[in-house]
Amino acid sequence: MKVLVDFTQIPIQKVGVGVYAKETFRIFEKDTDELYFLIQDDDEDMKKTFSCFNVILVRSKFFRVFLFRFLLEQFYIPFLCWKYKIDVVHSLHYSFPLLLRKVKRIVTIHDLTFFIYPEVHTFIKRYYFKFFIKMACKYADAIICVSESTLNDLKKYMKKIIASTKVIPLSCSSKIEVTELEVKRKKRKFGINSSYILFIGTLEPRKNLLNLICAFNEFYKNNEDYVLVIVGKKGWFYKAIFKLIDELNLKSKVLFTGFVTSEEKFILLSGAHTFIYPSIYEGFGLPVLEAITYGIPTITSHLSSLPEVAGDAAFYINPNDALDMARGLDIVSNDSTVREKLRLNAEKQMLKFSWKYTASLTYSTYKTVVERR
């Protein structure tokens, strides 16, 4: 069995899907000759991580451009499958080669936002990925969903799913030990001078940052010792966030770090007083699992996959109600009984997830589709 995994869909700055791609496949056996990884040549992180595997590089100068990446996926990948006698192609992010013959196709679907909240996406993404999700349901051999919530949404919005489906959850790497000195250094680097409420995620509409800022503004009236730290790169439709901060005069109390490395992210997590993730929709919600793994008292939405991921290890709020969110911030930040209960529950919840388990289920999916003639 030979498998080609398409990493060309993964950006250099890795969040969500990028973390899934990197962490799942580096668990695989290093000496296998069955796996071929297609990687863009400007992705030094992926090249280093998978240097012991069969790596096929493509020129990022061309294939970071949308049109050329489409051509790579639809024409060059079928050529590679013929050249290397590939049995299975695994596409990690919705779209996949449509013209393959005698090669099994597996597609990972992370969420159904393109159907449920199309307004939070740019025009091209909205229609491009909706098309490929529909095609995957008809022509893929297997679809991997990252949560039961995503699979349920897929069944809800797709009238007929011919492909077999499998839920394979994400995970979080083992907790790294962080010293107080390391936390102090990172706080100094990012201008954090007090206890902080932490959010991690791309600046985009479904992360619900406008409501979070309104909630923090209300919370801050009686909790002036805290700042809100927002970690993540700018995505799309984010200008309203900065406009609201100016209107509420919170510029010194809401701090933005931009994109940070994995190491910096986990150091900032370790030093956080409270973690909040008020997203209106998630296919999985990896930052919530990361916060739980680090034992940080966590607040999140009661919607989509988030209760599935957090279980009893989070305090749930209505993400569409800024006052309810402010109330949650006040309780979790100041009630020691609630905080301790969340920590204890987090120790149990984190044990339900493992990258080794994710990798094992992924590999078994390859075997299943190959054996199904």
Protein backbone atom coordinates (compact mmCIF):
# COMPACT_ATOMS: atom_id res chain seq x y z
CA MET A 1 0.00 0.00 0.00
CA LYS A 2 1.42 3.38 -1.04
CA VAL A 3 -0.14 6.60 0.25
CA LEU A 4 0.40 10.15 -1.00
CA VAL A 5 -0.49 12.83 1.57
CA ASP A 6 -1.01 16.33 0.15
CA PHE A 7 0.53 18.94 2.46
CA THR A 8 0.49 21.68 -0.19
CA GLN A 9 -2.82 22.92 1.23
CA ILE A 10 -1.11 23.75 4.54
CA PRO A 11 0.12 27.35 5.15
CA ILE A 12 3.53 28.09 6.65
CA GLN A 13 1.97 29.67 9.76
CA LYS A 14 0.27 26.63 11.23
CA VAL A 15 -2.94 26.82 13.20
CA GLY A 16 -5.80 24.31 13.38
CA VAL A 17 -5.46 22.36 10.13
CA GLY A 18 -1.69 22.87 10.04
CA VAL A 19 -1.27 21.51 13.57
CA TYR A 20 -3.45 18.53 12.63
CA ALA A 21 -1.33 17.80 9.56
CA LYS A 22 2.00 18.06 11.32
CA GLU A 23 1.17 16.24 14.55
CA THR A 24 -0.80 13.37 13.02
CA PHE A 25 1.79 12.28 10.49
CA ARG A 26 4.96 12.63 12.49
CA ILE A 27 3.62 9.82 14.69
CA PHE A 28 3.81 7.43 11.73
CA GLU A 29 6.70 4.97 11.46
CA LYS A 30 9.77 6.75 10.13
CA ASP A 31 11.18 3.81 8.17
CA THR A 32 8.10 3.09 6.11
CA ASP A 33 8.40 3.23 2.34
CA GLU A 34 4.63 3.43 1.98
CA LEU A 35 4.17 7.16 2.67
CA TYR A 36 4.88 9.98 0.24
CA PHE A 37 4.46 13.55 1.46
CA LEU A 38 3.88 16.35 -1.05
CA ILE A 39 5.24 19.56 0.52
CA GLN A 40 5.82 23.12 -0.68
CA ASP A 41 9.54 23.91 -0.71
CA ASP A 42 9.22 27.10 1.38
CA ASP A 43 7.82 25.16 4.35
CA GLU A 44 11.02 24.57 6.32
CA ASP A 45 9.09 23.29 9.33
CA MET A 46 7.40 20.49 7.37
CA LYS A 47 10.58 19.65 5.45
CA LYS A 48 12.48 19.23 8.71
CA THR A 49 9.69 17.32 10.48
CA PHE A 50 9.32 14.79 7.66
CA SER A 51 12.90 14.57 6.43
CA CYS A 52 12.98 10.83 7.21
CA PHE A 53 10.01 10.15 4.93
CA ASN A 54 9.61 10.12 1.16
CA VAL A 55 9.20 13.86 0.53
CA ILE A 56 8.23 15.29 -2.86
CA LEU A 57 8.83 19.04 -3.04
CA VAL A 58 7.00 21.50 -5.28
CA ARG A 59 7.92 25.10 -6.02
CA SER A 60 6.13 27.34 -3.56
CA LYS A 61 6.91 30.32 -5.80
CA PHE A 62 4.12 29.07 -8.05
CA PHE A 63 1.90 26.86 -5.95
CA ARG A 64 1.06 29.33 -3.19
CA VAL A 65 -0.94 31.08 -5.91
CA PHE A 66 -4.54 29.82 -5.89
CA LEU A 67 -4.85 29.02 -9.61
CA PHE A 68 -1.55 27.14 -9.79
CA ARG A 69 -2.34 25.22 -6.61
CA PHE A 70 -5.60 24.12 -8.21
CA LEU A 71 -3.70 22.92 -11.28
CA LEU A 72 -1.21 21.08 -9.07
CA GLU A 73 -4.01 19.30 -7.27
CA GLN A 74 -6.04 18.40 -10.32
CA PHE A 75 -3.27 17.48 -12.79
CA TYR A 76 0.14 17.11 -11.13
CA ILE A 77 -1.03 14.87 -8.28
CA PRO A 78 -2.61 12.38 -10.72
CA PHE A 79 0.74 12.31 -12.57
CA LEU A 80 2.59 11.61 -9.29
CA CYS A 81 0.13 8.82 -8.50
CA TRP A 82 0.97 7.18 -11.84
CA LYS A 83 4.72 7.73 -11.39
CA TYR A 84 4.95 6.31 -7.85
CA LYS A 85 2.16 3.72 -8.23
CA ILE A 86 0.13 5.33 -5.44
CA ASP A 87 -2.86 3.45 -4.01
CA VAL A 88 -4.36 6.20 -1.82
CA VAL A 89 -4.32 10.02 -1.90
CA HIS A 90 -5.18 11.80 1.34
CA SER A 91 -6.23 15.44 0.93
CA LEU A 92 -6.08 17.23 4.28
CA HIS A 93 -8.25 20.27 3.65
CA TYR A 94 -11.53 19.77 1.73
CA SER A 95 -10.41 19.89 -1.93
CA PHE A 96 -8.99 16.84 -3.71
CA PRO A 97 -8.04 15.56 -7.21
CA LEU A 98 -11.17 14.87 -9.22
CA LEU A 99 -9.52 13.10 -12.18
CA LEU A 100 -7.84 10.17 -10.46
CA ARG A 101 -8.49 6.69 -11.77
CA LYS A 102 -7.78 3.46 -9.88
CA VAL A 103 -6.51 5.49 -6.90
CA LYS A 104 -8.51 5.73 -3.67
CA ARG A 105 -9.30 9.21 -2.38
CA ILE A 106 -9.62 10.22 1.27
CA VAL A 107 -10.62 13.77 2.23
CA THR A 108 -10.53 15.41 5.66
CA ILE A 109 -13.44 17.76 6.33
CA HIS A 110 -12.89 20.04 9.32
CA ASP A 111 -16.19 21.90 9.51
CA LEU A 112 -19.24 22.98 7.53
CA THR A 113 -18.94 26.75 7.99
CA PHE A 114 -19.16 27.23 4.23
CA PHE A 115 -22.77 26.02 4.49
CA ILE A 116 -23.75 27.13 8.01
CA TYR A 117 -22.06 30.55 8.14
CA PRO A 118 -21.13 31.39 4.53
CA GLU A 119 -21.07 35.09 5.36
CA VAL A 120 -17.92 34.69 7.49
CA HIS A 121 -15.88 33.57 4.45
CA THR A 122 -14.57 35.37 1.43
CA PHE A 123 -16.53 34.91 -1.81
CA ILE A 124 -14.06 32.53 -3.47
CA LYS A 125 -13.60 30.26 -0.45
CA ARG A 126 -17.34 30.10 0.10
CA TYR A 127 -18.13 28.56 -3.29
CA TYR A 128 -14.87 26.71 -3.92
CA PHE A 129 -14.98 24.63 -0.75
CA LYS A 130 -18.74 24.09 -0.88
CA PHE A 131 -18.23 22.57 -4.31
CA PHE A 132 -15.48 20.22 -3.11
CA ILE A 133 -17.38 19.11 -0.02
CA LYS A 134 -20.26 18.12 -2.30
CA MET A 135 -17.85 16.31 -4.63
CA ALA A 136 -16.21 14.50 -1.72
CA CYS A 137 -19.58 13.13 -0.64
CA LYS A 138 -20.12 11.74 -4.16
CA TYR A 139 -16.68 10.67 -5.33
CA ALA A 140 -14.28 10.24 -2.40
CA ASP A 141 -13.76 6.73 -1.04
CA ALA A 142 -13.69 7.96 2.54
CA ILE A 143 -14.32 11.21 4.41
CA ILE A 144 -12.60 11.89 7.72
CA CYS A 145 -14.47 14.26 10.02
CA VAL A 146 -12.65 15.71 13.01
CA SER A 147 -15.63 15.47 15.38
CA GLU A 148 -19.08 13.93 15.71
CA SER A 149 -20.42 17.47 15.41
CA THR A 150 -18.83 17.90 11.98
CA LEU A 151 -20.15 14.53 10.82
CA ASN A 152 -23.66 15.43 12.00
CA ASP A 153 -23.45 18.73 10.12
CA LEU A 154 -22.27 16.91 7.01
CA LYS A 155 -25.25 14.56 7.16
CA LYS A 156 -27.57 17.52 7.72
CA TYR A 157 -26.42 19.56 4.73
CA MET A 158 -25.63 16.75 2.27
CA LYS A 159 -28.69 14.89 0.96
CA LYS A 160 -26.67 11.84 -0.07
CA ILE A 161 -23.23 10.71 1.10
CA ILE A 162 -21.81 7.87 -0.97
CA ALA A 163 -18.35 8.01 0.59
CA SER A 164 -17.79 6.13 3.83
CA THR A 165 -17.34 8.41 6.84
CA LYS A 166 -15.11 8.19 9.88
CA VAL A 167 -14.73 10.45 12.92
CA ILE A 168 -11.08 10.91 13.88
CA PRO A 169 -10.61 13.57 16.59
CA LEU A 170 -7.61 15.84 16.92
CA SER A 171 -5.42 15.99 20.02
CA CYS A 172 -2.87 18.12 21.85
CA SER A 173 0.81 17.41 22.31
CA SER A 174 1.98 16.47 25.78
CA LYS A 175 2.26 19.39 28.16
CA ILE A 176 5.70 20.95 28.26
CA GLU A 177 7.05 22.23 31.55
CA VAL A 178 7.32 26.02 31.54
CA THR A 179 9.25 28.01 34.13
CA GLU A 180 8.08 31.28 35.67
CA LEU A 181 11.11 32.96 34.13
CA GLU A 182 10.02 31.88 30.63
CA VAL A 183 6.53 33.24 31.24
CA LYS A 184 7.94 36.55 32.50
CA ARG A 185 10.13 36.87 29.40
CA LYS A 186 7.23 36.29 27.02
CA LYS A 187 5.00 38.68 28.96
CA ARG A 188 7.70 41.30 28.68
CA LYS A 189 8.10 40.64 24.95
CA PHE A 190 4.40 41.18 24.30
CA GLY A 191 3.95 44.07 26.75
CA ILE A 192 1.81 42.13 29.26
CA ASN A 193 2.18 43.76 32.66
CA SER A 194 -0.61 42.13 34.67
CA SER A 195 -2.79 39.02 34.97
CA TYR A 196 -4.38 38.20 31.65
CA ILE A 197 -7.38 36.58 30.05
CA LEU A 198 -6.18 34.68 26.96
CA PHE A 199 -7.76 34.00 23.58
CA ILE A 200 -5.99 32.02 20.83
CA GLY A 201 -7.28 31.91 17.26
CA THR A 202 -7.27 33.56 13.86
CA LEU A 203 -8.87 36.98 13.69
CA GLU A 204 -11.98 36.15 11.67
CA PRO A 205 -15.72 36.64 12.19
CA ARG A 206 -16.71 33.21 13.56
CA LYS A 207 -14.24 33.53 16.42
CA ASN A 208 -16.67 36.11 17.80
CA LEU A 209 -14.08 38.64 18.90
CA LEU A 210 -16.45 41.61 18.75
CA ASN A 211 -18.65 40.06 21.43
CA LEU A 212 -15.57 39.03 23.41
CA ILE A 213 -14.30 42.61 23.46
CA CYS A 214 -17.72 43.90 24.55
CA ALA A 215 -17.81 41.24 27.28
CA PHE A 216 -14.31 42.14 28.44
CA ASN A 217 -15.27 45.82 28.55
CA GLU A 218 -18.12 44.91 30.92
CA PHE A 219 -15.93 42.55 32.97
CA TYR A 220 -13.17 45.16 33.25
CA LYS A 221 -15.44 47.62 35.08
CA ASN A 222 -15.07 45.53 38.26
CA ASN A 223 -11.81 43.75 37.42
CA GLU A 224 -9.28 46.41 36.51
CA ASP A 225 -6.26 44.21 37.27
CA TYR A 226 -6.71 42.16 34.08
CA VAL A 227 -5.89 42.61 30.42
CA LEU A 228 -7.19 40.63 27.47
CA VAL A 229 -4.48 39.05 25.31
CA ILE A 230 -5.45 37.96 21.80
CA VAL A 231 -3.01 35.55 20.15
CA GLY A 232 -3.36 34.84 16.44
CA LYS A 233 -2.76 36.09 12.94
CA LYS A 234 -5.08 38.38 11.03
CA GLY A 235 -7.52 36.42 8.91
CA TRP A 236 -10.33 38.26 7.13
CA PHE A 237 -12.98 40.87 8.00
CA TYR A 238 -10.99 41.84 11.11
CA LYS A 239 -10.88 45.66 10.85
CA ALA A 240 -14.07 46.03 12.90
CA ILE A 241 -12.22 44.51 15.86
CA PHE A 242 -9.69 47.34 16.06
CA LYS A 243 -12.38 49.93 15.40
CA LEU A 244 -14.41 48.65 18.37
CA ILE A 245 -11.37 48.71 20.65
CA ASP A 246 -10.80 52.37 19.75
CA GLU A 247 -14.46 53.21 20.37
CA LEU A 248 -14.39 51.56 23.82
CA ASN A 249 -11.02 53.12 24.67
CA LEU A 250 -9.50 49.69 25.40
CA LYS A 251 -6.30 50.00 23.42
CA SER A 252 -4.08 49.60 26.49
CA LYS A 253 -6.21 46.75 27.88
CA VAL A 254 -6.60 44.52 24.80
CA LEU A 255 -3.22 43.34 23.53
CA PHE A 256 -2.52 41.60 20.22
CA THR A 257 0.54 39.38 19.77
CA GLY A 258 -0.02 38.39 16.15
CA PHE A 259 1.02 34.91 15.09
CA VAL A 260 3.31 33.17 17.60
CA THR A 261 5.36 29.98 17.47
CA SER A 262 4.06 26.79 19.11
CA GLU A 263 6.56 27.26 21.93
CA GLU A 264 5.42 30.84 22.55
CA LYS A 265 1.78 29.79 22.42
CA PHE A 266 2.22 27.18 25.14
CA ILE A 267 4.28 29.53 27.31
CA LEU A 268 1.53 32.16 27.08
CA LEU A 269 -1.04 29.46 27.89
CA SER A 270 0.92 28.41 30.96
CA GLY A 271 0.92 31.95 32.29
CA ALA A 272 -2.74 32.74 31.59
CA HIS A 273 -5.14 33.29 34.46
CA THR A 274 -8.20 32.28 32.39
CA PHE A 275 -8.68 31.07 28.82
CA ILE A 276 -11.73 32.06 26.76
CA TYR A 277 -12.84 30.78 23.37
CA PRO A 278 -16.30 32.16 22.48
CA SER A 279 -16.43 30.90 18.88
CA ILE A 280 -19.87 30.66 17.29
CA TYR A 281 -18.90 27.50 15.42
CA GLU A 282 -16.02 25.01 15.41
CA GLY A 283 -15.37 21.74 13.66
CA PHE A 284 -13.18 20.75 16.61
CA GLY A 285 -11.79 23.69 18.60
CA LEU A 286 -8.15 22.76 19.16
CA PRO A 287 -7.27 25.82 21.32
CA VAL A 288 -9.83 24.67 23.90
CA LEU A 289 -8.20 21.25 24.18
CA GLU A 290 -4.78 22.91 24.44
CA ALA A 291 -5.97 25.13 27.30
CA ILE A 292 -7.47 22.12 29.09
CA THR A 293 -4.24 20.17 28.66
CA TYR A 294 -2.39 23.00 30.39
CA GLY A 295 -4.91 23.08 33.24
CA ILE A 296 -6.05 26.64 32.54
CA PRO A 297 -9.62 27.41 33.72
CA THR A 298 -11.49 27.60 30.43
CA ILE A 299 -14.61 29.36 29.17
CA THR A 300 -16.12 28.41 25.83
CA SER A 301 -19.32 28.35 23.79
CA HIS A 302 -22.06 25.80 24.27
CA LEU A 303 -22.32 25.37 20.49
CA SER A 304 -21.12 22.92 17.81
CA SER A 305 -18.20 20.63 18.73
CA LEU A 306 -16.95 22.56 21.75
CA PRO A 307 -18.89 20.62 24.44
CA GLU A 308 -17.70 17.42 22.73
CA VAL A 309 -14.08 18.52 23.12
CA ALA A 310 -14.24 20.17 26.54
CA GLY A 311 -16.71 17.91 28.36
CA ASP A 312 -16.95 18.95 32.02
CA ALA A 313 -13.64 20.79 31.84
CA ALA A 314 -15.04 24.14 30.67
CA PHE A 315 -17.50 26.78 31.81
CA TYR A 316 -20.06 27.29 29.04
CA ILE A 317 -21.49 30.60 27.89
CA ASN A 318 -23.86 31.82 25.19
CA PRO A 319 -21.47 33.31 22.62
CA ASN A 320 -24.19 35.56 21.23
CA ASP A 321 -24.76 37.27 24.60
CA ALA A 322 -21.92 39.57 25.65
CA LEU A 323 -23.39 40.00 29.16
CA ASP A 324 -23.51 36.23 29.68
CA MET A 325 -19.91 36.07 28.51
CA ALA A 326 -18.93 38.85 30.94
CA ARG A 327 -20.65 36.92 33.74
CA GLY A 328 -18.66 33.82 32.81
CA LEU A 329 -15.43 35.79 32.86
CA ASP A 330 -16.26 37.13 36.32
CA ILE A 331 -17.14 33.71 37.77
CA VAL A 332 -14.24 31.75 36.32
CA SER A 333 -11.68 34.46 37.07
CA ASN A 334 -12.74 35.03 40.68
CA ASP A 335 -14.44 31.90 42.06
CA SER A 336 -11.72 29.59 43.40
CA THR A 337 -14.15 26.67 43.78
CA VAL A 338 -15.14 26.84 40.12
CA ARG A 339 -11.52 27.16 39.05
CA GLU A 340 -10.42 24.11 41.02
CA LYS A 341 -13.32 22.03 39.70
CA LEU A 342 -12.39 22.93 36.12
CA ARG A 343 -8.76 21.98 36.75
CA LEU A 344 -9.71 18.58 38.16
CA ASN A 345 -12.09 17.86 35.30
CA ALA A 346 -9.43 18.93 32.80
CA GLU A 347 -7.07 16.23 34.06
CA LYS A 348 -9.65 13.60 33.12
CA GLN A 349 -10.81 15.15 29.86
CA MET A 350 -7.37 15.51 28.30
CA LEU A 351 -6.79 11.75 28.64
CA LYS A 352 -9.50 11.10 26.04
CA PHE A 353 -7.33 12.51 23.24
CA SER A 354 -4.03 11.36 21.73
CA TRP A 355 -2.16 12.11 18.49
CA LYS A 356 -1.11 8.46 18.50
CA TYR A 357 -4.78 7.50 18.44
CA THR A 358 -5.45 10.01 15.65
CA ALA A 359 -2.58 8.57 13.58
CA SER A 360 -3.66 4.98 14.22
CA LEU A 361 -7.23 5.61 13.07
CA THR A 362 -5.96 7.48 10.01
CA TYR A 363 -3.70 4.61 8.97
CA SER A 364 -6.49 2.07 9.52
CA THR A 365 -8.68 4.17 7.20
CA TYR A 366 -6.04 3.85 4.47
CA LYS A 367 -6.00 0.08 4.86
CA THR A 368 -9.78 -0.13 4.84
CA VAL A 369 -10.23 1.75 1.57
CA VAL A 370 -7.44 -0.17 -0.17
CA GLU A 371 -8.90 -3.51 0.86
CA ARG A 372 -12.36 -2.44 -0.30
CA ARG A 373 -12.34 -3.39 -3.98
